Amino acid sequence: MSIRRNQLWACLLIFASASFGVAGRGQLDLPPPLDVDHLVSAQELLEDARQLLPSGGFVGPLLDEQYAVIDHGWLKNTFLPFYREEAAKLRAVASREGEASDCDNYGMFLRQMVGLAGIMGRTEEPAVAQVVVVQNRPFSGVRRTRENHSVGLFLTDRGWYVIEPQNGDKLIPFRRYANRKTVRYMSFH
């Protein structure tokens, strides 16, 4: 939808024209252009995503007609190394007080960086969601909390993959994700 693209363009302008500094400790870089394997319709994406949900979980509305299925090689070999560096820049200056820089903030950062990669690659909206789970089991350096937790979910040419947004450390198939049975909500926008 054009509103979402306008928000991403605004973010892109902040990065590009304002030399988006991170409290004097460098600057955040623009992500590499997205490599798309193929496109899926919103209906196909919705049906596929719903199959991942346990009873009681739901998917937020999809706003675009088509979505870009992400090339797994690009995600693993190009985007994730880039994302880890940018997330580290943020962690170096992020507030440690309260919930000022926790999983949902990094989840949004991950989602926005992939959205910017789509803009840079002039592609359709990337098939990536911010997912809320109950963290009943540890994953990628985040301990068991039994509380709501946010992770990134990517549809690639090799299937669905999960990433911990606070560190971008592990990329694992959704079917092997420790907290897959506690998904509460998926938001692609």
C-alpha atoms as a PDB file:
ATOM      1  CA  MET A   1       0.000   0.000   0.000  1.00  0.00           C
ATOM      2  CA  SER A   2       1.234   3.481  -0.744  1.00  0.00           C
ATOM      3  CA  ILE A   3       1.067   4.609   2.903  1.00  0.00           C
ATOM      4  CA  ARG A   4       3.574   1.931   3.916  1.00  0.00           C
ATOM      5  CA  ARG A   5       5.892   2.807   1.035  1.00  0.00           C
ATOM      6  CA  ASN A   6       5.661   6.497   1.984  1.00  0.00           C
ATOM      7  CA  GLN A   7       6.724   5.644   5.537  1.00  0.00           C
ATOM      8  CA  LEU A   8       9.671   3.671   4.222  1.00  0.00           C
ATOM      9  CA  TRP A   9      10.623   6.491   1.855  1.00  0.00           C
ATOM     10  CA  ALA A  10      10.590   8.879   4.798  1.00  0.00           C
ATOM     11  CA  CYS A  11      12.922   6.531   6.671  1.00  0.00           C
ATOM     12  CA  LEU A  12      15.142   6.278   3.576  1.00  0.00           C
ATOM     13  CA  LEU A  13      15.351  10.062   3.378  1.00  0.00           C
ATOM     14  CA  ILE A  14      16.426  10.231   7.005  1.00  0.00           C
ATOM     15  CA  PHE A  15      19.203   7.746   6.306  1.00  0.00           C
ATOM     16  CA  ALA A  16      20.342   9.291   3.032  1.00  0.00           C
ATOM     17  CA  SER A  17      20.019  13.029   3.466  1.00  0.00           C
ATOM     18  CA  ALA A  18      20.492  13.561   7.165  1.00  0.00           C
ATOM     19  CA  SER A  19      23.584  11.372   7.581  1.00  0.00           C
ATOM     20  CA  PHE A  20      21.723   9.562  10.327  1.00  0.00           C
ATOM     21  CA  GLY A  21      24.323   9.604  13.097  1.00  0.00           C
ATOM     22  CA  VAL A  22      24.211   7.289  16.075  1.00  0.00           C
ATOM     23  CA  ALA A  23      25.087   9.663  18.905  1.00  0.00           C
ATOM     24  CA  GLY A  24      28.429  10.585  17.400  1.00  0.00           C
ATOM     25  CA  ARG A  25      29.542   6.963  17.067  1.00  0.00           C
ATOM     26  CA  GLY A  26      29.250   6.528  13.340  1.00  0.00           C
ATOM     27  CA  GLN A  27      26.272   6.334  11.116  1.00  0.00           C
ATOM     28  CA  LEU A  28      23.763   3.732  10.077  1.00  0.00           C
ATOM     29  CA  ASP A  29      24.194   2.561   6.535  1.00  0.00           C
ATOM     30  CA  LEU A  30      21.564   1.784   3.940  1.00  0.00           C
ATOM     31  CA  PRO A  31      20.899  -1.923   3.462  1.00  0.00           C
ATOM     32  CA  PRO A  32      21.953  -3.802   0.335  1.00  0.00           C
ATOM     33  CA  PRO A  33      19.259  -4.059  -2.366  1.00  0.00           C
ATOM     34  CA  LEU A  34      16.885  -6.971  -1.834  1.00  0.00           C
ATOM     35  CA  ASP A  35      17.306 -10.059  -4.031  1.00  0.00           C
ATOM     36  CA  VAL A  36      13.895 -11.508  -4.843  1.00  0.00           C
ATOM     37  CA  ASP A  37      13.353 -15.137  -5.752  1.00  0.00           C
ATOM     38  CA  HIS A  38       9.736 -14.701  -6.911  1.00  0.00           C
ATOM     39  CA  LEU A  39       6.485 -12.960  -6.026  1.00  0.00           C
ATOM     40  CA  VAL A  40       3.431 -14.313  -4.209  1.00  0.00           C
ATOM     41  CA  SER A  41      -0.045 -12.849  -3.959  1.00  0.00           C
ATOM     42  CA  ALA A  42      -1.300 -11.501  -0.650  1.00  0.00           C
ATOM     43  CA  GLN A  43      -3.796 -14.360  -0.533  1.00  0.00           C
ATOM     44  CA  GLU A  44      -1.036 -16.977  -0.995  1.00  0.00           C
ATOM     45  CA  LEU A  45       1.100 -15.336   1.685  1.00  0.00           C
ATOM     46  CA  LEU A  46      -1.826 -15.142   4.095  1.00  0.00           C
ATOM     47  CA  GLU A  47      -2.764 -18.800   3.582  1.00  0.00           C
ATOM     48  CA  ASP A  48       0.857 -19.934   3.961  1.00  0.00           C
ATOM     49  CA  ALA A  49       1.405 -17.826   7.103  1.00  0.00           C
ATOM     50  CA  ARG A  50      -1.797 -19.094   8.719  1.00  0.00           C
ATOM     51  CA  GLN A  51      -0.474 -22.653   8.493  1.00  0.00           C
ATOM     52  CA  LEU A  52       2.314 -21.658  10.891  1.00  0.00           C
ATOM     53  CA  LEU A  53      -0.075 -20.468  13.594  1.00  0.00           C
ATOM     54  CA  PRO A  54      -1.112 -22.490  16.620  1.00  0.00           C
ATOM     55  CA  SER A  55      -4.680 -22.263  17.846  1.00  0.00           C
ATOM     56  CA  GLY A  56      -5.413 -18.706  19.000  1.00  0.00           C
ATOM     57  CA  GLY A  57      -2.676 -17.029  16.927  1.00  0.00           C
ATOM     58  CA  PHE A  58      -3.504 -14.566  14.171  1.00  0.00           C
ATOM     59  CA  VAL A  59      -2.028 -12.684  11.222  1.00  0.00           C
ATOM     60  CA  GLY A  60      -2.523  -8.955  10.866  1.00  0.00           C
ATOM     61  CA  PRO A  61      -4.005  -7.592   7.636  1.00  0.00           C
ATOM     62  CA  LEU A  62      -1.940  -7.565   4.460  1.00  0.00           C
ATOM     63  CA  LEU A  63      -1.943  -4.210   2.684  1.00  0.00           C
ATOM     64  CA  ASP A  64      -0.275  -4.988  -0.642  1.00  0.00           C
ATOM     65  CA  GLU A  65      -1.378  -7.166  -3.565  1.00  0.00           C
ATOM     66  CA  GLN A  66       1.948  -8.975  -3.981  1.00  0.00           C
ATOM     67  CA  TYR A  67       4.946  -9.735  -1.795  1.00  0.00           C
ATOM     68  CA  ALA A  68       8.570 -10.514  -2.608  1.00  0.00           C
ATOM     69  CA  VAL A  69       9.813 -13.946  -1.543  1.00  0.00           C
ATOM     70  CA  ILE A  70      13.377 -13.359  -0.389  1.00  0.00           C
ATOM     71  CA  ASP A  71      16.379 -15.136  -1.875  1.00  0.00           C
ATOM     72  CA  HIS A  72      17.788 -17.245   0.980  1.00  0.00           C
ATOM     73  CA  GLY A  73      21.396 -16.762  -0.148  1.00  0.00           C
ATOM     74  CA  TRP A  74      20.977 -12.976  -0.076  1.00  0.00           C
ATOM     75  CA  LEU A  75      19.416 -13.128   3.394  1.00  0.00           C
ATOM     76  CA  LYS A  76      22.128 -15.345   4.844  1.00  0.00           C
ATOM     77  CA  ASN A  77      25.229 -14.052   3.063  1.00  0.00           C
ATOM     78  CA  THR A  78      24.480 -10.390   2.338  1.00  0.00           C
ATOM     79  CA  PHE A  79      21.732  -8.986   4.541  1.00  0.00           C
ATOM     80  CA  LEU A  80      22.427 -10.680   7.890  1.00  0.00           C
ATOM     81  CA  PRO A  81      26.117  -9.691   8.077  1.00  0.00           C
ATOM     82  CA  PHE A  82      25.040  -6.121   7.258  1.00  0.00           C
ATOM     83  CA  TYR A  83      22.213  -6.206   9.816  1.00  0.00           C
ATOM     84  CA  ARG A  84      24.470  -7.520  12.588  1.00  0.00           C
ATOM     85  CA  GLU A  85      26.812  -4.568  12.118  1.00  0.00           C
ATOM     86  CA  GLU A  86      23.976  -2.032  12.145  1.00  0.00           C
ATOM     87  CA  ALA A  87      22.318  -3.627  15.199  1.00  0.00           C
ATOM     88  CA  ALA A  88      25.683  -3.528  16.998  1.00  0.00           C
ATOM     89  CA  LYS A  89      25.923   0.215  16.275  1.00  0.00           C
ATOM     90  CA  LEU A  90      22.534   0.701  17.904  1.00  0.00           C
ATOM     91  CA  ARG A  91      23.346  -1.490  20.902  1.00  0.00           C
ATOM     92  CA  ALA A  92      26.435   0.639  21.532  1.00  0.00           C
ATOM     93  CA  VAL A  93      24.281   3.694  22.197  1.00  0.00           C
ATOM     94  CA  ALA A  94      20.882   2.235  23.136  1.00  0.00           C
ATOM     95  CA  SER A  95      19.277   2.955  26.466  1.00  0.00           C
ATOM     96  CA  ARG A  96      19.312   0.033  28.883  1.00  0.00           C
ATOM     97  CA  GLU A  97      16.513   1.481  30.995  1.00  0.00           C
ATOM     98  CA  GLY A  98      13.135  -0.224  31.067  1.00  0.00           C
ATOM     99  CA  GLU A  99      11.866  -1.336  27.688  1.00  0.00           C
ATOM    100  CA  ALA A 100      13.563   1.426  25.704  1.00  0.00           C
ATOM    101  CA  SER A 101      15.567  -0.914  23.458  1.00  0.00           C
ATOM    102  CA  ASP A 102      14.199  -4.408  23.713  1.00  0.00           C
ATOM    103  CA  CYS A 103      13.020  -7.091  21.306  1.00  0.00           C
ATOM    104  CA  ASP A 104      10.090  -5.195  19.798  1.00  0.00           C
ATOM    105  CA  ASN A 105      12.289  -2.167  19.052  1.00  0.00           C
ATOM    106  CA  TYR A 106      14.891  -4.341  17.352  1.00  0.00           C
ATOM    107  CA  GLY A 107      12.102  -6.296  15.635  1.00  0.00           C
ATOM    108  CA  MET A 108      10.819  -3.073  14.119  1.00  0.00           C
ATOM    109  CA  PHE A 109      14.369  -2.070  13.162  1.00  0.00           C
ATOM    110  CA  LEU A 110      14.861  -5.430  11.416  1.00  0.00           C
ATOM    111  CA  ARG A 111      11.544  -5.118   9.589  1.00  0.00           C
ATOM    112  CA  GLN A 112      12.295  -1.545   8.495  1.00  0.00           C
ATOM    113  CA  MET A 113      15.794  -2.424   7.274  1.00  0.00           C
ATOM    114  CA  VAL A 114      14.376  -5.212   5.108  1.00  0.00           C
ATOM    115  CA  GLY A 115      11.712  -2.798   3.853  1.00  0.00           C
ATOM    116  CA  LEU A 116      14.453  -0.337   2.919  1.00  0.00           C
ATOM    117  CA  ALA A 117      16.310  -3.164   1.151  1.00  0.00           C
ATOM    118  CA  GLY A 118      13.140  -3.666  -0.892  1.00  0.00           C
ATOM    119  CA  ILE A 119      13.073   0.016  -1.787  1.00  0.00           C
ATOM    120  CA  MET A 120      16.764  -0.075  -2.692  1.00  0.00           C
ATOM    121  CA  GLY A 121      16.102  -3.127  -4.898  1.00  0.00           C
ATOM    122  CA  ARG A 122      12.935  -1.566  -6.362  1.00  0.00           C
ATOM    123  CA  THR A 123      10.943  -4.652  -5.410  1.00  0.00           C
ATOM    124  CA  GLU A 124       7.522  -5.449  -4.079  1.00  0.00           C
ATOM    125  CA  GLU A 125       7.034  -5.429  -0.291  1.00  0.00           C
ATOM    126  CA  PRO A 126       9.328  -8.107   1.221  1.00  0.00           C
ATOM    127  CA  ALA A 127       7.597 -11.140   2.771  1.00  0.00           C
ATOM    128  CA  VAL A 128       8.882 -10.528   6.289  1.00  0.00           C
ATOM    129  CA  ALA A 129       6.899 -10.256   9.517  1.00  0.00           C
ATOM    130  CA  GLN A 130       7.434  -9.173  13.065  1.00  0.00           C
ATOM    131  CA  VAL A 131       6.139 -12.067  15.175  1.00  0.00           C
ATOM    132  CA  VAL A 132       5.117 -12.082  18.835  1.00  0.00           C
ATOM    133  CA  VAL A 133       5.691 -15.369  20.681  1.00  0.00           C
ATOM    134  CA  VAL A 134       5.799 -16.464  24.300  1.00  0.00           C
ATOM    135  CA  GLN A 135       9.491 -17.029  25.058  1.00  0.00           C
ATOM    136  CA  ASN A 136       9.085 -20.416  26.788  1.00  0.00           C
ATOM    137  CA  ARG A 137      12.465 -21.651  25.548  1.00  0.00           C
ATOM    138  CA  PRO A 138      15.782 -19.862  25.065  1.00  0.00           C
ATOM    139  CA  PHE A 139      16.700 -18.866  21.513  1.00  0.00           C
ATOM    140  CA  SER A 140      19.749 -17.180  20.001  1.00  0.00           C
ATOM    141  CA  GLY A 141      21.119 -15.802  23.261  1.00  0.00           C
ATOM    142  CA  VAL A 142      17.752 -14.720  24.690  1.00  0.00           C
ATOM    143  CA  ARG A 143      16.891 -16.618  27.838  1.00  0.00           C
ATOM    144  CA  ARG A 144      13.580 -18.236  28.714  1.00  0.00           C
ATOM    145  CA  THR A 145      11.332 -15.498  30.096  1.00  0.00           C
ATOM    146  CA  ARG A 146       7.812 -16.911  29.715  1.00  0.00           C
ATOM    147  CA  GLU A 147       6.855 -13.437  28.482  1.00  0.00           C
ATOM    148  CA  ASN A 148       5.950 -12.013  25.089  1.00  0.00           C
ATOM    149  CA  HIS A 149       8.918 -11.735  22.771  1.00  0.00           C
ATOM    150  CA  SER A 150       9.375 -10.437  19.218  1.00  0.00           C
ATOM    151  CA  VAL A 151      11.280 -12.201  16.433  1.00  0.00           C
ATOM    152  CA  GLY A 152      11.630 -11.756  12.661  1.00  0.00           C
ATOM    153  CA  LEU A 153      10.006 -14.208  10.242  1.00  0.00           C
ATOM    154  CA  PHE A 154      11.122 -14.364   6.602  1.00  0.00           C
ATOM    155  CA  LEU A 155       9.590 -16.205   3.655  1.00  0.00           C
ATOM    156  CA  THR A 156      12.483 -17.315   1.460  1.00  0.00           C
ATOM    157  CA  ASP A 157      12.843 -19.579  -1.540  1.00  0.00           C
ATOM    158  CA  ARG A 158      13.779 -22.301   0.990  1.00  0.00           C
ATOM    159  CA  GLY A 159      10.740 -21.734   3.218  1.00  0.00           C
ATOM    160  CA  TRP A 160      10.068 -19.798   6.415  1.00  0.00           C
ATOM    161  CA  TYR A 161      13.029 -18.715   8.586  1.00  0.00           C
ATOM    162  CA  VAL A 162      13.278 -17.063  12.012  1.00  0.00           C
ATOM    163  CA  ILE A 163      15.822 -14.494  13.219  1.00  0.00           C
ATOM    164  CA  GLU A 164      16.357 -13.030  16.684  1.00  0.00           C
ATOM    165  CA  PRO A 165      16.289  -9.266  15.934  1.00  0.00           C
ATOM    166  CA  GLN A 166      18.394  -8.208  18.925  1.00  0.00           C
ATOM    167  CA  ASN A 167      21.487  -9.866  17.500  1.00  0.00           C
ATOM    168  CA  GLY A 168      20.688 -11.400  14.080  1.00  0.00           C
ATOM    169  CA  ASP A 169      22.828 -14.315  15.201  1.00  0.00           C
ATOM    170  CA  LYS A 170      20.810 -17.362  14.146  1.00  0.00           C
ATOM    171  CA  LEU A 171      18.841 -17.993  10.987  1.00  0.00           C
ATOM    172  CA  ILE A 172      16.855 -21.180  11.440  1.00  0.00           C
ATOM    173  CA  PRO A 173      13.919 -22.820   9.686  1.00  0.00           C
ATOM    174  CA  PHE A 174      10.620 -22.045  11.384  1.00  0.00           C
ATOM    175  CA  ARG A 175       9.928 -25.775  11.805  1.00  0.00           C
ATOM    176  CA  ARG A 176      12.980 -25.946  14.130  1.00  0.00           C
ATOM    177  CA  TYR A 177      12.291 -22.704  16.020  1.00  0.00           C
ATOM    178  CA  ALA A 178      12.006 -23.460  19.742  1.00  0.00           C
ATOM    179  CA  ASN A 179       8.984 -21.201  20.364  1.00  0.00           C
ATOM    180  CA  ARG A 180       7.006 -21.906  17.171  1.00  0.00           C
ATOM    181  CA  LYS A 181       4.081 -23.361  19.124  1.00  0.00           C
ATOM    182  CA  THR A 182       3.602 -20.103  21.059  1.00  0.00           C
ATOM    183  CA  VAL A 183       3.139 -17.674  18.137  1.00  0.00           C
ATOM    184  CA  ARG A 184       0.522 -15.108  19.131  1.00  0.00           C
ATOM    185  CA  TYR A 185       0.622 -12.589  16.299  1.00  0.00           C
ATOM    186  CA  MET A 186       2.274 -11.949  12.909  1.00  0.00           C
ATOM    187  CA  SER A 187       2.451  -8.488  11.391  1.00  0.00           C
ATOM    188  CA  PHE A 188       3.755  -7.974   7.860  1.00  0.00           C
ATOM    189  CA  HIS A 189       3.294  -4.168   8.171  1.00  0.00           C
END
